[in-house]
């Protein structure tokens, strides 16, 4: 089966302030092995023999003022190597009008979407956004709605407690496709945490312009957990169906605790019981449609 990896990064350490200087707490734990360049050649070596035919680069948190430089760098890599096939870049959705930045980013032919991480948590180590309620901000809603005029999606990164407001954002921008990162980032595996995630996913599933990325499931457990992967697949597919689900590796973050074949095999096992058309949708067709590959 041909596979589209809908979520990966490459980077140069010098461009990423979070990799420089003293170690700071990160959502995925200690990251000393990542404090180095992760070039396209290494990513291609990691995916070799795994059936990956296309890949989507998702912004890697360069300083915001360098977002356009990041997109240009990825565009240059694409011309040089043939990879990636699409880019999700950063743009600030909180400014009064994001269109000037979008106009500049749109000069990159591989641009397919925008990501600004909205996830906020009471635990500061899990917190990225300064405000938990960005999805309810009228300016954010207006800018996300404008993405549809550019043919761009929005990679939506929120926790369970923010999913109701994320659904309101999706309903306020019905022409924009929202790609829920890492299936909603389930960080509390206890009964209360799963119940909150269940409720939030139900609300998001009612928004036809929301699709879900099955990725990043090792973020909070720091390992490949087949039982957790299988549970998240079943629960997500029951709500969204295969035509609204797509797979991504989240490499090289997941490389902290696994290799690409092991990660892909665990997700492949979760898909074993599905009919072939459903597997084709999740591993290839949905990403191809959403990111116009």
Protein backbone atom coordinates (compact mmCIF):
# COMPACT_ATOMS: atom_id res chain seq x y z
CA UNK A 1 0.00 0.00 0.00
CA UNK A 2 1.22 3.49 -0.86
CA UNK A 3 1.45 5.78 2.17
CA UNK A 4 1.29 9.53 2.65
CA UNK A 5 3.04 10.77 5.78
CA UNK A 6 0.88 13.78 6.62
CA UNK A 7 3.01 15.12 9.47
CA UNK A 8 6.80 15.31 9.66
CA UNK A 9 9.50 17.90 10.29
CA UNK A 10 13.05 18.50 9.16
CA UNK A 11 15.17 21.21 10.72
CA UNK A 12 18.43 22.95 11.26
CA UNK A 13 19.25 23.36 14.93
CA UNK A 14 20.47 26.92 14.41
CA UNK A 15 16.96 27.99 13.30
CA UNK A 16 15.11 26.68 16.35
CA UNK A 17 15.52 28.58 19.61
CA UNK A 18 13.83 25.79 21.58
CA UNK A 19 16.72 23.52 20.60
CA UNK A 20 19.35 26.03 21.62
CA UNK A 21 20.61 27.00 25.06
CA UNK A 22 19.54 25.31 28.33
CA UNK A 23 17.12 22.40 28.17
CA UNK A 24 13.55 23.58 28.75
CA UNK A 25 10.58 21.34 29.65
CA UNK A 26 8.82 20.13 26.51
CA UNK A 27 5.56 18.32 25.99
CA UNK A 28 7.35 15.22 24.68
CA UNK A 29 9.88 14.99 27.51
CA UNK A 30 13.70 15.07 27.39
CA UNK A 31 14.87 15.82 23.87
CA UNK A 32 18.66 15.83 23.96
CA UNK A 33 18.88 13.47 20.93
CA UNK A 34 16.96 16.05 18.87
CA UNK A 35 19.27 18.97 19.63
CA UNK A 36 20.94 18.65 16.25
CA UNK A 37 20.15 18.98 12.57
CA UNK A 38 17.52 16.59 11.24
CA UNK A 39 17.98 16.94 7.47
CA UNK A 40 15.89 15.65 4.62
CA UNK A 41 18.48 12.97 3.85
CA UNK A 42 17.99 11.47 7.30
CA UNK A 43 14.20 11.56 7.01
CA UNK A 44 14.41 9.79 3.65
CA UNK A 45 16.68 7.17 5.21
CA UNK A 46 14.17 6.71 8.05
CA UNK A 47 11.26 6.07 5.66
CA UNK A 48 13.23 3.89 3.21
CA UNK A 49 11.39 0.69 2.34
CA UNK A 50 8.21 1.68 4.20
CA UNK A 51 6.03 2.48 1.19
CA UNK A 52 5.87 6.22 1.81
CA UNK A 53 5.32 7.95 -1.52
CA UNK A 54 4.54 11.51 -0.39
CA UNK A 55 4.94 13.61 2.73
CA UNK A 56 3.63 16.84 4.24
CA UNK A 57 6.00 19.12 6.17
CA UNK A 58 4.45 20.86 9.18
CA UNK A 59 6.09 24.00 10.58
CA UNK A 60 8.66 23.40 13.28
CA UNK A 61 8.35 26.58 15.37
CA UNK A 62 11.01 28.78 13.92
CA UNK A 63 10.80 32.28 15.46
CA UNK A 64 7.52 33.80 14.20
CA UNK A 65 9.30 36.57 12.32
CA UNK A 66 11.12 33.85 10.33
CA UNK A 67 8.00 31.93 9.28
CA UNK A 68 8.34 33.00 5.67
CA UNK A 69 12.02 32.06 5.65
CA UNK A 70 11.06 28.61 6.92
CA UNK A 71 8.55 28.16 4.11
CA UNK A 72 11.10 29.30 1.52
CA UNK A 73 13.71 26.91 2.91
CA UNK A 74 11.29 24.00 2.63
CA UNK A 75 10.40 25.08 -0.89
CA UNK A 76 14.09 25.05 -1.80
CA UNK A 77 14.47 21.56 -0.27
CA UNK A 78 11.54 20.39 -2.32
CA UNK A 79 13.12 21.59 -5.53
CA UNK A 80 16.44 20.01 -4.60
CA UNK A 81 15.23 16.63 -3.32
CA UNK A 82 11.63 16.19 -4.49
CA UNK A 83 10.50 16.11 -0.86
CA UNK A 84 8.25 17.27 0.75
CA UNK A 85 5.22 17.43 -1.50
CA UNK A 86 3.25 19.93 0.60
CA UNK A 87 3.94 22.46 3.33
CA UNK A 88 1.93 23.58 6.33
CA UNK A 89 3.49 26.90 7.32
CA UNK A 90 3.07 29.25 10.26
CA UNK A 91 1.03 32.43 10.15
CA UNK A 92 -0.34 34.42 13.07
CA UNK A 93 -4.11 34.18 13.11
CA UNK A 94 -4.38 36.71 15.96
CA UNK A 95 -3.31 39.76 13.94
CA UNK A 96 -6.09 42.03 12.63
CA UNK A 97 -5.62 40.80 9.06
CA UNK A 98 -3.50 37.75 8.18
CA UNK A 99 -3.88 38.22 4.44
CA UNK A 100 -0.61 40.12 3.81
CA UNK A 101 1.34 37.25 5.41
CA UNK A 102 -0.74 34.69 3.52
CA UNK A 103 -0.08 36.52 0.26
CA UNK A 104 3.66 36.24 0.85
CA UNK A 105 3.49 32.59 1.94
CA UNK A 106 1.37 31.74 -1.10
CA UNK A 107 4.37 32.45 -3.33
CA UNK A 108 5.58 28.98 -2.30
CA UNK A 109 3.90 26.45 -4.63
CA UNK A 110 3.91 23.67 -2.04
CA UNK A 111 1.91 25.67 0.51
CA UNK A 112 -1.27 23.79 1.48
CA UNK A 113 -2.08 24.87 5.02
CA UNK A 114 -1.32 26.93 8.11
CA UNK A 115 -0.60 25.84 11.67
CA UNK A 116 -0.62 28.05 14.74
CA UNK A 117 -0.64 25.96 17.90
CA UNK A 118 -3.55 26.90 20.13
CA UNK A 119 -3.09 24.20 22.77
CA UNK A 120 -3.20 25.48 26.35
CA UNK A 121 -3.05 23.42 29.52
CA UNK A 122 -2.98 24.05 33.26
CA UNK A 123 0.34 22.21 33.30
CA UNK A 124 2.90 24.78 32.08
CA UNK A 125 5.03 22.03 30.53
CA UNK A 126 2.10 21.20 28.24
CA UNK A 127 1.18 24.81 27.48
CA UNK A 128 2.00 26.45 24.18
CA UNK A 129 -0.57 29.20 23.61
CA UNK A 130 -0.72 32.13 26.00
CA UNK A 131 -4.53 32.15 25.94
CA UNK A 132 -6.78 29.08 26.32
CA UNK A 133 -9.60 30.72 24.37
CA UNK A 134 -8.03 31.64 21.04
CA UNK A 135 -10.62 29.62 19.14
CA UNK A 136 -13.32 32.00 20.40
CA UNK A 137 -11.40 35.12 19.38
CA UNK A 138 -13.37 36.94 16.62
CA UNK A 139 -10.14 37.92 14.86
CA UNK A 140 -8.91 34.32 14.82
CA UNK A 141 -12.26 33.20 13.42
CA UNK A 142 -12.15 35.80 10.67
CA UNK A 143 -8.59 34.93 9.67
CA UNK A 144 -9.30 31.18 9.68
CA UNK A 145 -12.33 31.78 7.47
CA UNK A 146 -10.10 33.70 5.05
CA UNK A 147 -7.87 30.65 4.58
CA UNK A 148 -10.52 29.15 2.32
CA UNK A 149 -9.97 31.99 -0.17
CA UNK A 150 -6.39 30.74 -0.52
CA UNK A 151 -7.34 27.06 -0.70
CA UNK A 152 -5.55 26.50 2.61
CA UNK A 153 -6.44 24.25 5.53
CA UNK A 154 -5.74 24.94 9.20
CA UNK A 155 -3.89 22.40 11.33
CA UNK A 156 -5.76 22.69 14.65
CA UNK A 157 -3.85 21.77 17.81
CA UNK A 158 -5.93 21.80 21.01
CA UNK A 159 -6.53 19.73 24.13
CA UNK A 160 -9.83 18.12 25.10
CA UNK A 161 -10.88 21.05 27.24
CA UNK A 162 -10.62 23.34 24.22
CA UNK A 163 -12.53 21.15 21.78
CA UNK A 164 -15.92 22.81 22.29
CA UNK A 165 -14.45 26.19 21.36
CA UNK A 166 -12.55 24.55 18.48
CA UNK A 167 -15.87 23.27 17.17
CA UNK A 168 -17.29 26.80 17.36
CA UNK A 169 -14.29 27.98 15.34
CA UNK A 170 -14.89 25.29 12.72
CA UNK A 171 -18.55 26.23 12.45
CA UNK A 172 -17.61 29.92 12.11
CA UNK A 173 -15.36 29.08 9.13
CA UNK A 174 -17.32 26.38 7.28
CA UNK A 175 -15.35 26.67 4.01
CA UNK A 176 -12.01 26.01 5.75
CA UNK A 177 -10.88 22.45 6.44
CA UNK A 178 -9.53 21.99 9.96
CA UNK A 179 -7.07 19.15 10.56
CA UNK A 180 -7.17 18.10 14.23
CA UNK A 181 -3.57 17.40 15.24
CA UNK A 182 -2.70 14.13 16.96
CA UNK A 183 -6.36 13.13 17.37
CA UNK A 184 -6.87 15.80 20.00
CA UNK A 185 -3.74 15.16 22.07
CA UNK A 186 -5.13 12.83 24.73
CA UNK A 187 -2.84 13.55 27.68
CA UNK A 188 -4.91 12.22 30.61
CA UNK A 189 -5.39 8.47 30.22
CA UNK A 190 -7.53 8.19 33.34
CA UNK A 191 -11.31 7.84 33.28
CA UNK A 192 -11.93 11.58 33.62
CA UNK A 193 -9.45 12.45 30.91
CA UNK A 194 -10.87 9.95 28.46
CA UNK A 195 -14.42 11.12 29.21
CA UNK A 196 -13.45 14.73 28.45
CA UNK A 197 -11.75 13.63 25.24
CA UNK A 198 -14.80 11.55 24.27
CA UNK A 199 -17.13 14.50 24.76
CA UNK A 200 -14.90 16.89 22.84
CA UNK A 201 -14.42 14.51 19.94
CA UNK A 202 -18.20 14.03 19.70
CA UNK A 203 -18.64 17.78 19.30
CA UNK A 204 -15.89 18.07 16.69
CA UNK A 205 -17.23 15.10 14.74
CA UNK A 206 -20.44 17.08 14.19
CA UNK A 207 -18.42 19.61 12.16
CA UNK A 208 -18.12 18.23 8.61
CA UNK A 209 -15.08 20.43 7.87
CA UNK A 210 -12.98 18.79 10.62
CA UNK A 211 -10.70 15.86 9.80
CA UNK A 212 -8.39 14.06 12.23
CA UNK A 213 -4.70 13.28 12.05
CA UNK A 214 -3.82 9.90 13.61
CA UNK A 215 -0.37 10.90 14.80
CA UNK A 216 1.68 11.81 17.84
CA UNK A 217 0.29 9.04 20.07
CA UNK A 218 3.62 8.65 21.86
CA UNK A 219 3.74 12.30 22.91
CA UNK A 220 2.67 11.79 26.51
CA UNK A 221 3.62 8.15 27.11
CA UNK A 222 7.05 8.39 25.42
CA UNK A 223 6.81 5.00 23.76
CA UNK A 224 4.95 3.07 21.08
CA UNK A 225 1.91 1.67 22.92
CA UNK A 226 -0.07 -0.67 20.64
CA UNK A 227 -3.04 -0.82 23.01
CA UNK A 228 -3.31 2.97 23.18
CA UNK A 229 -2.87 3.30 19.43
CA UNK A 230 -5.57 0.71 18.80
CA UNK A 231 -7.99 2.39 21.21
CA UNK A 232 -7.45 5.83 19.68
CA UNK A 233 -7.93 4.45 16.19
CA UNK A 234 -11.18 2.70 17.11
CA UNK A 235 -12.65 5.66 18.96
CA UNK A 236 -11.65 8.18 16.32
CA UNK A 237 -12.84 6.11 13.38
CA UNK A 238 -16.17 5.43 15.08
CA UNK A 239 -16.80 9.18 15.12
CA UNK A 240 -15.15 10.43 11.93
CA UNK A 241 -14.90 7.45 9.58
CA UNK A 242 -11.90 6.70 7.35
CA UNK A 243 -12.62 9.49 4.86
CA UNK A 244 -12.04 12.04 7.63
CA UNK A 245 -8.92 10.41 9.10
CA UNK A 246 -5.31 10.58 7.92
CA UNK A 247 -2.07 9.16 9.24
CA UNK A 248 1.14 10.98 10.13
CA UNK A 249 4.44 9.94 11.70
CA UNK A 250 5.30 13.07 13.72
CA UNK A 251 8.94 12.33 12.93
CA UNK A 252 11.53 13.02 14.23
CA UNK A 253 9.72 13.62 17.56
CA UNK A 254 8.66 9.98 17.76
CA UNK A 255 12.26 9.05 16.95
CA UNK A 256 12.99 9.84 20.60
CA UNK A 257 11.55 6.44 21.53
CA UNK A 258 11.14 4.40 18.35
CA UNK A 259 12.08 3.98 14.71
CA UNK A 260 9.89 4.51 11.67
CA UNK A 261 9.21 0.84 10.81
CA UNK A 262 8.16 0.06 14.39
CA UNK A 263 5.87 3.09 14.54
CA UNK A 264 4.27 2.37 11.17
CA UNK A 265 3.82 -1.31 12.06
CA UNK A 266 1.95 -0.42 15.26
CA UNK A 267 -0.44 1.82 13.34
CA UNK A 268 -0.73 -0.78 10.60
CA UNK A 269 -1.77 -3.35 13.20
CA UNK A 270 -4.51 -0.99 14.38
CA UNK A 271 -5.80 -0.92 10.81
CA UNK A 272 -5.62 -4.68 10.17
CA UNK A 273 -9.29 -5.34 10.85
CA UNK A 274 -10.45 -2.59 8.51
CA UNK A 275 -11.47 -3.24 4.91
CA UNK A 276 -8.94 -2.33 2.27
CA UNK A 277 -10.74 0.86 1.13
CA UNK A 278 -10.69 2.21 4.69
CA UNK A 279 -6.97 1.53 5.05
CA UNK A 280 -6.37 3.17 1.70
CA UNK A 281 -8.26 6.26 2.84
CA UNK A 282 -6.42 6.64 6.14
CA UNK A 283 -2.92 5.98 4.89
CA UNK A 284 -3.21 7.70 1.52
CA UNK A 285 -6.41 9.13 0.11
CA UNK A 286 -7.59 11.48 2.85
CA UNK A 287 -4.22 13.20 3.11
CA UNK A 288 -3.99 13.40 -0.68
CA UNK A 289 -7.39 15.11 -0.79
CA UNK A 290 -6.92 17.46 2.17
CA UNK A 291 -3.43 18.59 1.20
CA UNK A 292 -4.02 18.41 -2.58
CA UNK A 293 -1.11 16.07 -3.29
